[in-house]
Structures are given as structure tokens and as C-alpha cells.
Amino acid sequence: MTGGSPYHFDLHNIDYTLRATSVKKAMKGEYKLFAKGYVDLATESPAEDVSVEFERAATGERYKWQTEIRHKTYTARGIAEDMYSRLEEAQDPDDPDSQMRTVYTDNFPAERLETIVKKSLSLIGAKKATESMKQKFLQSLGTLRRKESENVRYQFIVNEHVIKPTRERHSDSVSALDLRNANTVYYTDQTRRTLNDQQMEFFDEVIEPGSGFKCVEVKNRNDFKTALNLAIADHENERRFINMLLQSQNVMHYDGWIKSTSIRFYEIEYAWKKGEHPKRGRFSPDFFIKAQNLILVIEIKGDEEVVDPAEENRKKNEYALAHFERVNARLKKSGRSDRYKFSFLTERSFNQFFQSLREGTVLDFRSELDVRLAAIN
């Protein structure tokens, strides 16, 4: 549902078609190590602000506990030396070809590895590596003999660039059953006056204390910086994300946000394979957050995706990144300063995302799922 709000903003979209093209990649005898010159890392700060929300089973009352977690850190040189040792272990000192006995350490001395580590860290605005980053560097050495494969890709054919004002977002709805289960509705003291009589009757039932419906009143209407009269979280991870979006320490660092609808508002076309069957679909990213000239586009998923990403989500990520790359290229060409950044987020990256937003480094932010999906594309 939309209402009169000072937080409307325009989104830039592309109308395009996809054309299937066959792309065959030649097989390589040996994978080229560090072909990109860096390792793709997820953002993680040495000190991380953590906020945990608890709910009393008897009363439903929610309260928060906050603390700071400090991670162990490593220098670029120290990690480079550990990587060099791994390369030494990977070589066969008894290989008949004398050059192969030291092939990895000859190509990647510690100094070169240190340069790679420093570049990788600089891409996410870091100077030192955390434990998880260190493991990522060591894991990157496990691809020494990876093969390339054949695949089929779809080619984008751009028809036109279009503006999608958030005021044109279609109305959304939620059932009573959904509000007793997975969904949560967020509202302010101004929401009721924007509803018609039928909606008002249901709304009054929902917000009645003890009703059993999942609802959250945003006490300070100025913190509800969205172009909607109410917002609906479709599942628990979205509820936790909106809760953090509304925290006082985060509200001051963005200008407005909107929760998308599942269809019709801002759709990105993508292609994927289910088994051996090619499929095409459209998806709408969950959130758009405007922070000055940057639009943060967020798709929320469960933590299980970091371990075992679904093929469909892998392709959503690939096509969404390509989509916003085209949008940004168009904006740059036209002389506009607006830019878009797309990210897949799971709950385990929420804290780091908002910390990056507060610190002004969100443009360099990479979630664990972003990195995982990029690695298998």
C-alpha cells in the first residue's frame, strides 16, 4: 500500500529482451592461478557491532542486547608466507621435469603473493585480514587444476531505459493467516488515516494488543523513511532486516527505502536451468535503499544459501549484476551521478552491511553470499 510520503524517489530500469547464444569454452590443461590478480573477499571488520533481539515467550515483549566483537587479524605479509608454504607443499620434488618441481613458488614468490593479498583487501577497504579472510586466501590455492566447461548464455538486447517512480509501486496485501505465521506488518500512527473502511477494520484487528498478529509500530514516524503507508516483511529474515533498517543508529545514514512487491514493480529477467531444462523467469529485488546518490538494491536469502547456493539464485545474481552494470553505464554516459549497487544478503551479513553503511564504506561492501555466488559463476 502506498500513501503520501516525502520519501518517494525514482529508480532507473531497462526494458530489454534476452536472446540465447551458444558459448563454448576451450578446455585448459591447468587452471591459471590468480588470473584476476586478487581474491574475492566478503566484507568483515576487525571490530563488529552486534545487536541480538530477544522475545519473551509469555508476553511477546522484545528487547535488544548489543556488544562489540573483535576478530583476530593477520597482516598481508603473514598470509602471503602461509600461502607460499602451501604452494611448496603442492609441488612434487620428485617430478621428472625439474621445472615442475618449483613451478608454483617460481611463479608466486612471497612478494607477489603479498601484493595479491593487499590488492584483495584494498578492494573491500580493509588493511588487515580476519580469520575468515585468511581461510579464503588459503582456499583459493585449491583450484590449481580446475577445468573450464561449455555453457549457453543469453544476450541482452536493450530496447529502452525507463524510470520507475516508487510512487507507482503497486499495492500489496497480506492475509490474517500470513500475519500469524511468517509475515510481519510495520506501521506508524499515520497509517490508519490512509486506509479505506474495509482495510481499516482489518487493520484495527491486527494492531489490537493480544491479537496474536505479528505487527510492529514504528513509534517515531520520522524513522519510517519509506514511500509506503505500511511495510510487510514476508519472512523472518526480512523482519530482522527491517528492524535493523529502523534502528536509530542506522536511520540517519540513508534518505529513504522501499520494500518491493514480488511482481510487476521492478523486475529483472534471468535464465537458468532446472536439471536439463532451460527456464526463464523474472524476479524483483526485495529492497531499494537510497543513500544520497547511491541506490542499494538488496535481495534477502537464508544463511543456508552461503553453504549450498541454489542454481536459480546463482543466475539471479549473475543477471542482476549485469543489469545494474548496464544501468550504471547509462547513467554515467548521460552525466548523472546516481549509481546502483546490488547485493545478496543473508542474516549473517546484516551487521556488517549496516556497519559499512554507517561508516560510509558500503560501496565496497561484499556479503559472504555475494562472494560465494561470484566464485561459482
Protein backbone atom coordinates (compact mmCIF):
# COMPACT_ATOMS: atom_id res chain seq x y z
CA MET A 1 0.00 0.00 0.00
CA THR A 2 1.28 3.45 -0.82
CA GLY A 3 0.45 6.79 0.68
CA GLY A 4 1.51 10.41 0.72
CA SER A 5 5.16 10.30 1.72
CA PRO A 6 8.17 12.63 1.40
CA TYR A 7 10.34 9.58 0.70
CA HIS A 8 9.40 8.92 -2.93
CA PHE A 9 12.36 8.54 -5.27
CA ASP A 10 12.92 7.44 -8.86
CA LEU A 11 14.52 4.17 -9.92
CA HIS A 12 16.17 3.54 -13.28
CA ASN A 13 15.30 0.36 -15.13
CA ILE A 14 15.89 -1.20 -18.55
CA ASP A 15 13.37 -2.73 -20.89
CA TYR A 16 15.18 -5.47 -22.79
CA THR A 17 14.86 -8.92 -24.34
CA LEU A 18 17.12 -11.93 -23.98
CA ARG A 19 18.46 -13.87 -26.94
CA ALA A 20 20.02 -17.30 -26.47
CA THR A 21 23.59 -17.69 -27.73
CA SER A 22 25.83 -20.75 -27.60
CA VAL A 23 29.18 -20.14 -25.94
CA LYS A 24 31.83 -22.86 -25.85
CA LYS A 25 34.92 -22.51 -23.74
CA ALA A 26 38.07 -24.40 -24.59
CA MET A 27 39.34 -26.94 -22.08
CA LYS A 28 42.56 -26.00 -20.35
CA GLY A 29 45.10 -28.44 -19.07
CA GLU A 30 45.81 -26.36 -15.99
CA TYR A 31 43.89 -23.58 -14.32
CA LYS A 32 45.67 -20.23 -14.25
CA LEU A 33 46.14 -19.39 -10.59
CA PHE A 34 45.09 -15.86 -9.53
CA ALA A 35 44.04 -14.98 -13.09
CA LYS A 36 42.22 -11.89 -11.77
CA GLY A 37 45.16 -10.75 -9.66
CA TYR A 38 43.14 -10.82 -6.44
CA VAL A 39 40.88 -12.99 -4.28
CA ASP A 40 37.21 -12.07 -3.94
CA LEU A 41 36.53 -11.40 -0.23
CA ALA A 42 33.45 -10.77 1.87
CA THR A 43 33.45 -7.60 3.96
CA GLU A 44 34.31 -8.17 7.63
CA SER A 45 35.58 -5.50 10.02
CA PRO A 46 38.12 -6.21 12.77
CA ALA A 47 35.54 -4.85 15.24
CA GLU A 48 31.89 -5.69 14.57
CA ASP A 49 28.86 -4.19 16.28
CA VAL A 50 26.40 -6.98 17.14
CA SER A 51 22.75 -6.50 18.10
CA VAL A 52 20.71 -9.52 19.22
CA GLU A 53 16.95 -9.32 19.61
CA PHE A 54 15.14 -11.46 22.19
CA GLU A 55 11.43 -12.07 22.64
CA ARG A 56 9.75 -13.11 25.88
CA ALA A 57 7.62 -16.18 25.19
CA ALA A 58 4.94 -15.25 27.74
CA THR A 59 4.36 -11.60 26.80
CA GLY A 60 5.79 -11.23 23.31
CA GLU A 61 7.87 -8.29 24.58
CA ARG A 62 11.06 -7.74 22.56
CA TYR A 63 14.33 -6.36 23.88
CA LYS A 64 17.85 -6.00 22.48
CA TRP A 65 21.35 -6.80 23.64
CA GLN A 66 24.27 -5.04 21.98
CA THR A 67 28.00 -5.64 22.13
CA GLU A 68 31.16 -5.40 20.04
CA ILE A 69 33.05 -8.43 18.76
CA ARG A 70 36.74 -8.06 17.94
CA HIS A 71 38.14 -10.50 15.39
CA LYS A 72 41.70 -11.79 15.27
CA THR A 73 43.56 -10.14 12.40
CA TYR A 74 46.52 -11.03 10.17
CA THR A 75 48.94 -8.92 8.11
CA ALA A 76 49.22 -9.27 4.35
CA ARG A 77 52.80 -10.49 4.74
CA GLY A 78 51.86 -13.20 7.23
CA ILE A 79 49.13 -14.56 4.98
CA ALA A 80 51.46 -14.46 1.96
CA GLU A 81 54.01 -16.57 3.82
CA ASP A 82 51.34 -19.14 4.74
CA MET A 83 50.20 -19.27 1.09
CA TYR A 84 53.80 -19.73 -0.06
CA SER A 85 54.17 -22.68 2.30
CA ARG A 86 51.01 -24.25 0.84
CA LEU A 87 52.42 -23.85 -2.68
CA GLU A 88 55.65 -25.54 -1.61
CA GLU A 89 53.62 -28.48 -0.31
CA ALA A 90 51.67 -28.72 -3.58
CA GLN A 91 54.84 -29.21 -5.66
CA ASP A 92 56.35 -32.63 -6.34
CA PRO A 93 60.07 -32.57 -5.53
CA ASP A 94 60.49 -35.89 -7.45
CA ASP A 95 58.83 -34.71 -10.68
CA PRO A 96 60.90 -35.84 -13.72
CA ASP A 97 60.57 -32.34 -15.13
CA SER A 98 62.88 -30.21 -12.97
CA GLN A 99 60.95 -27.03 -13.77
CA MET A 100 57.74 -28.54 -12.36
CA ARG A 101 59.40 -29.20 -9.02
CA THR A 102 59.26 -25.49 -8.21
CA VAL A 103 56.68 -24.26 -10.72
CA TYR A 104 54.31 -22.67 -8.19
CA THR A 105 56.87 -20.99 -5.96
CA ASP A 106 58.79 -19.72 -9.02
CA ASN A 107 55.66 -18.04 -10.38
CA PHE A 108 54.38 -16.89 -7.00
CA PRO A 109 57.16 -15.80 -4.63
CA ALA A 110 56.05 -14.43 -1.28
CA GLU A 111 56.39 -10.83 -2.50
CA ARG A 112 53.94 -11.42 -5.36
CA LEU A 113 51.51 -13.19 -3.05
CA GLU A 114 51.71 -10.26 -0.64
CA THR A 115 50.78 -7.90 -3.49
CA ILE A 116 47.77 -10.09 -4.32
CA VAL A 117 46.66 -10.11 -0.67
CA LYS A 118 46.99 -6.33 -0.37
CA LYS A 119 45.01 -5.74 -3.57
CA SER A 120 42.27 -8.13 -2.40
CA LEU A 121 41.97 -6.29 0.91
CA SER A 122 42.01 -2.86 -0.72
CA LEU A 123 39.01 -3.79 -2.89
CA ILE A 124 36.85 -4.05 0.25
CA GLY A 125 38.53 -1.16 2.05
CA ALA A 126 40.47 -3.33 4.52
CA LYS A 127 44.09 -3.15 5.69
CA LYS A 128 44.25 -6.39 7.68
CA ALA A 129 42.58 -9.76 7.20
CA THR A 130 40.30 -11.55 9.64
CA GLU A 131 40.39 -15.31 10.23
CA SER A 132 37.68 -15.97 7.64
CA MET A 133 39.55 -13.85 5.08
CA LYS A 134 42.75 -15.76 5.76
CA GLN A 135 40.94 -19.05 5.13
CA LYS A 136 39.56 -17.62 1.88
CA PHE A 137 43.10 -16.90 0.68
CA LEU A 138 44.25 -20.40 1.56
CA GLN A 139 41.19 -21.95 -0.10
CA SER A 140 42.00 -20.05 -3.29
CA LEU A 141 45.00 -22.34 -3.72
CA GLY A 142 42.74 -25.35 -4.12
CA THR A 143 41.89 -24.53 -7.75
CA LEU A 144 45.24 -25.34 -9.32
CA ARG A 145 43.85 -27.82 -11.84
CA ARG A 146 40.31 -26.61 -12.38
CA LYS A 147 38.85 -27.19 -15.84
CA GLU A 148 36.67 -24.83 -17.82
CA SER A 149 33.37 -26.01 -19.25
CA GLU A 150 30.91 -25.35 -22.04
CA ASN A 151 27.78 -23.32 -21.41
CA VAL A 152 24.93 -21.44 -23.06
CA ARG A 153 24.38 -17.76 -22.32
CA TYR A 154 21.66 -15.26 -23.08
CA GLN A 155 22.49 -11.97 -24.75
CA PHE A 156 20.85 -8.77 -23.56
CA ILE A 157 19.21 -6.64 -26.24
CA VAL A 158 18.33 -3.26 -24.72
CA ASN A 159 15.10 -1.74 -26.03
CA GLU A 160 14.90 1.40 -23.87
CA HIS A 161 15.75 2.84 -20.47
CA VAL A 162 12.79 3.67 -18.26
CA ILE A 163 12.13 5.48 -14.97
CA LYS A 164 10.27 3.64 -12.20
CA PRO A 165 8.99 6.14 -9.59
CA THR A 166 8.41 4.50 -6.23
CA ARG A 167 5.04 6.27 -6.05
CA GLU A 168 3.92 3.91 -8.85
CA ARG A 169 4.58 0.78 -6.83
CA HIS A 170 1.54 -1.47 -6.85
CA SER A 171 -0.45 -2.04 -3.68
CA ASP A 172 0.48 -5.01 -1.54
CA SER A 173 -1.65 -7.13 0.75
CA VAL A 174 -1.36 -9.77 3.44
CA SER A 175 -3.79 -12.31 4.89
CA ALA A 176 -4.67 -12.88 8.52
CA LEU A 177 -3.15 -16.36 8.32
CA ASP A 178 0.15 -14.97 6.99
CA LEU A 179 0.30 -12.43 9.83
CA ARG A 180 0.01 -15.24 12.36
CA ASN A 181 2.87 -17.13 10.72
CA ALA A 182 5.72 -15.76 8.61
CA ASN A 183 4.70 -12.17 7.78
CA THR A 184 5.03 -9.00 9.88
CA VAL A 185 3.43 -5.62 9.22
CA TYR A 186 5.15 -2.31 10.12
CA TYR A 187 3.09 0.85 10.60
CA THR A 188 3.04 4.31 12.20
CA ASP A 189 0.46 6.49 13.90
CA GLN A 190 -0.39 7.89 10.45
CA THR A 191 -1.11 4.59 8.73
CA ARG A 192 -4.75 4.24 9.75
CA ARG A 193 -5.86 7.51 8.16
CA THR A 194 -4.65 6.30 4.73
CA LEU A 195 -6.88 3.18 4.70
CA ASN A 196 -10.39 2.67 3.38
CA ASP A 197 -13.15 1.41 5.66
CA GLN A 198 -12.67 -2.27 4.86
CA GLN A 199 -8.90 -2.09 5.30
CA MET A 200 -9.31 -0.08 8.49
CA GLU A 201 -11.46 -2.78 10.10
CA PHE A 202 -8.85 -5.47 9.49
CA PHE A 203 -6.01 -3.12 10.49
CA ASP A 204 -7.67 -2.42 13.84
CA GLU A 205 -7.90 -6.17 14.50
CA VAL A 206 -4.24 -6.66 13.63
CA ILE A 207 -2.87 -3.96 15.95
CA GLU A 208 -5.17 -4.87 18.87
CA PRO A 209 -2.94 -5.90 21.83
CA GLY A 210 -3.02 -9.66 22.34
CA SER A 211 -4.47 -10.33 18.89
CA GLY A 212 -1.71 -12.78 18.01
CA PHE A 213 -0.91 -10.99 14.76
CA LYS A 214 2.69 -10.05 14.01
CA CYS A 215 2.90 -6.27 13.82
CA VAL A 216 5.38 -3.57 14.81
CA GLU A 217 4.51 0.07 15.40
CA VAL A 218 7.30 2.46 14.44
CA LYS A 219 6.99 4.91 17.33
CA ASN A 220 8.82 7.77 15.62
CA ARG A 221 7.12 8.32 12.26
CA ASN A 222 10.22 10.19 11.02
CA ASP A 223 12.21 6.96 11.28
CA PHE A 224 9.82 5.25 8.83
CA LYS A 225 11.61 6.68 5.80
CA THR A 226 9.68 4.76 3.15
CA ALA A 227 7.30 5.72 0.35
CA LEU A 228 4.66 3.41 1.86
CA ASN A 229 1.94 3.81 4.45
CA LEU A 230 2.96 0.42 5.87
CA ALA A 231 5.53 -2.27 5.05
CA ILE A 232 5.15 -6.04 5.06
CA ALA A 233 8.06 -8.36 5.84
CA ASP A 234 7.43 -11.64 4.03
CA HIS A 235 9.55 -13.84 6.29
CA GLU A 236 11.73 -13.78 9.40
CA ASN A 237 14.93 -12.67 7.66
CA GLU A 238 13.13 -9.67 6.12
CA ARG A 239 11.68 -8.80 9.54
CA ARG A 240 15.15 -8.74 11.06
CA PHE A 241 16.47 -6.66 8.18
CA ILE A 242 13.70 -4.06 8.53
CA ASN A 243 14.27 -3.97 12.30
CA MET A 244 17.90 -3.05 11.70
CA LEU A 245 16.92 -0.58 8.98
CA LEU A 246 14.78 1.22 11.56
CA GLN A 247 17.41 1.32 14.32
CA SER A 248 18.25 4.90 15.30
CA GLN A 249 21.97 4.49 14.59
CA ASN A 250 21.17 3.43 11.00
CA VAL A 251 18.26 5.71 10.08
CA MET A 252 20.44 8.82 9.82
CA HIS A 253 22.67 7.21 7.18
CA TYR A 254 20.13 6.85 4.35
CA ASP A 255 17.50 9.05 2.74
CA GLY A 256 14.70 6.57 2.08
CA TRP A 257 13.83 2.96 1.29
CA ILE A 258 11.11 0.86 -0.26
CA LYS A 259 10.11 -2.78 0.02
CA SER A 260 9.41 -4.12 -3.44
CA THR A 261 6.49 -6.31 -4.49
CA SER A 262 7.14 -9.85 -5.72
CA ILE A 263 5.94 -8.99 -9.24
CA ARG A 264 5.22 -6.03 -11.53
CA PHE A 265 7.17 -3.25 -9.81
CA TYR A 266 10.88 -3.64 -10.63
CA GLU A 267 11.52 -6.92 -12.44
CA ILE A 268 14.81 -8.35 -13.70
CA GLU A 269 14.66 -11.10 -16.30
CA TYR A 270 17.02 -14.06 -15.94
CA ALA A 271 17.62 -17.50 -17.44
CA TRP A 272 18.64 -20.71 -15.67
CA LYS A 273 18.50 -24.48 -15.96
CA LYS A 274 16.49 -26.82 -13.78
CA GLY A 275 18.21 -30.12 -14.36
CA GLU A 276 18.49 -30.32 -18.15
CA HIS A 277 15.58 -27.98 -18.82
CA PRO A 278 16.27 -24.32 -19.65
CA LYS A 279 13.96 -21.89 -17.86
CA ARG A 280 13.40 -18.14 -17.88
CA GLY A 281 11.87 -16.00 -15.18
CA ARG A 282 11.67 -12.56 -13.60
CA PHE A 283 12.42 -11.54 -10.04
CA SER A 284 12.01 -8.33 -8.07
CA PRO A 285 14.79 -7.48 -5.56
CA ASP A 286 13.42 -7.16 -2.03
CA PHE A 287 14.66 -3.69 -1.01
CA PHE A 288 15.83 -0.43 -2.57
CA ILE A 289 17.65 1.92 -0.18
CA LYS A 290 18.61 5.44 -1.27
CA ALA A 291 21.74 6.83 0.38
CA GLN A 292 22.48 10.17 -1.32
CA ASN A 293 23.37 9.29 -4.94
CA LEU A 294 23.72 5.56 -4.26
CA ILE A 295 20.82 3.11 -4.58
CA LEU A 296 21.46 -0.09 -2.62
CA VAL A 297 19.50 -2.98 -4.12
CA ILE A 298 19.12 -5.88 -1.68
CA GLU A 299 17.90 -9.44 -2.17
CA ILE A 300 17.41 -11.31 1.13
CA LYS A 301 18.10 -15.05 1.43
CA GLY A 302 18.62 -17.62 4.19
CA ASP A 303 22.05 -18.43 5.63
CA GLU A 304 21.87 -21.92 4.11
CA GLU A 305 22.49 -20.35 0.69
CA VAL A 306 26.06 -19.47 1.71
CA VAL A 307 26.82 -23.18 2.12
CA ASP A 308 24.88 -24.51 -0.86
CA PRO A 309 23.58 -21.80 -3.22
CA ALA A 310 20.66 -22.76 -5.43
CA GLU A 311 21.34 -22.69 -9.15
CA GLU A 312 18.41 -20.32 -9.64
CA ASN A 313 19.87 -17.82 -7.15
CA ARG A 314 23.25 -18.07 -8.83
CA LYS A 315 21.70 -16.98 -12.11
CA LYS A 316 19.59 -14.28 -10.45
CA ASN A 317 22.81 -12.82 -9.09
CA GLU A 318 24.60 -13.04 -12.43
CA TYR A 319 21.81 -11.35 -14.38
CA ALA A 320 21.12 -8.72 -11.71
CA LEU A 321 24.78 -7.66 -11.61
CA ALA A 322 24.79 -7.39 -15.41
CA HIS A 323 21.51 -5.44 -15.29
CA PHE A 324 22.79 -2.80 -12.88
CA GLU A 325 26.12 -2.60 -14.70
CA ARG A 326 24.13 -1.54 -17.77
CA VAL A 327 22.04 0.90 -15.73
CA ASN A 328 25.19 2.49 -14.24
CA ALA A 329 26.83 2.72 -17.67
CA ARG A 330 23.74 4.52 -18.98
CA LEU A 331 23.71 6.93 -16.04
CA LYS A 332 27.41 7.67 -16.44
CA LYS A 333 27.00 8.30 -20.16
CA SER A 334 24.17 10.75 -19.51
CA GLY A 335 26.27 12.64 -16.95
CA ARG A 336 24.23 11.63 -13.92
CA SER A 337 25.90 10.85 -10.58
CA ASP A 338 23.36 8.23 -9.47
CA ARG A 339 24.73 4.70 -9.12
CA TYR A 340 23.29 1.31 -8.20
CA LYS A 341 24.85 -1.47 -6.11
CA PHE A 342 23.27 -4.93 -5.96
CA SER A 343 23.90 -7.42 -3.13
CA PHE A 344 22.58 -10.75 -1.93
CA LEU A 345 22.30 -10.63 1.87
CA THR A 346 21.78 -13.30 4.50
CA GLU A 347 21.31 -12.65 8.20
CA ARG A 348 24.94 -13.42 8.99
CA SER A 349 25.95 -10.34 6.92
CA PHE A 350 23.32 -7.90 8.24
CA ASN A 351 25.57 -6.45 10.97
CA GLN A 352 28.45 -5.88 8.59
CA PHE A 353 26.19 -4.35 5.93
CA PHE A 354 24.78 -1.74 8.30
CA GLN A 355 28.18 -1.07 9.84
CA SER A 356 29.51 -0.39 6.32
CA LEU A 357 26.53 1.91 5.71
CA ARG A 358 27.28 3.86 8.91
CA GLU A 359 30.99 4.10 8.13
CA GLY A 360 30.42 5.25 4.54
CA THR A 361 32.14 2.18 3.01
CA VAL A 362 29.02 0.41 1.76
CA LEU A 363 30.05 0.85 -1.89
CA ASP A 364 32.90 -1.61 -1.21
CA PHE A 365 30.71 -3.97 0.82
CA ARG A 366 30.66 -7.67 -0.17
CA SER A 367 28.49 -10.18 1.67
CA GLU A 368 29.50 -13.79 2.16
CA LEU A 369 26.79 -14.85 -0.29
CA ASP A 370 27.98 -12.27 -2.87
CA VAL A 371 31.42 -13.84 -2.76
CA ARG A 372 30.09 -17.40 -2.81
CA LEU A 373 27.88 -16.74 -5.83
CA ALA A 374 30.68 -14.94 -7.70
CA ALA A 375 33.01 -17.88 -7.11
CA ILE A 376 30.70 -20.36 -8.85
CA ASN A 377 29.62 -18.14 -11.76
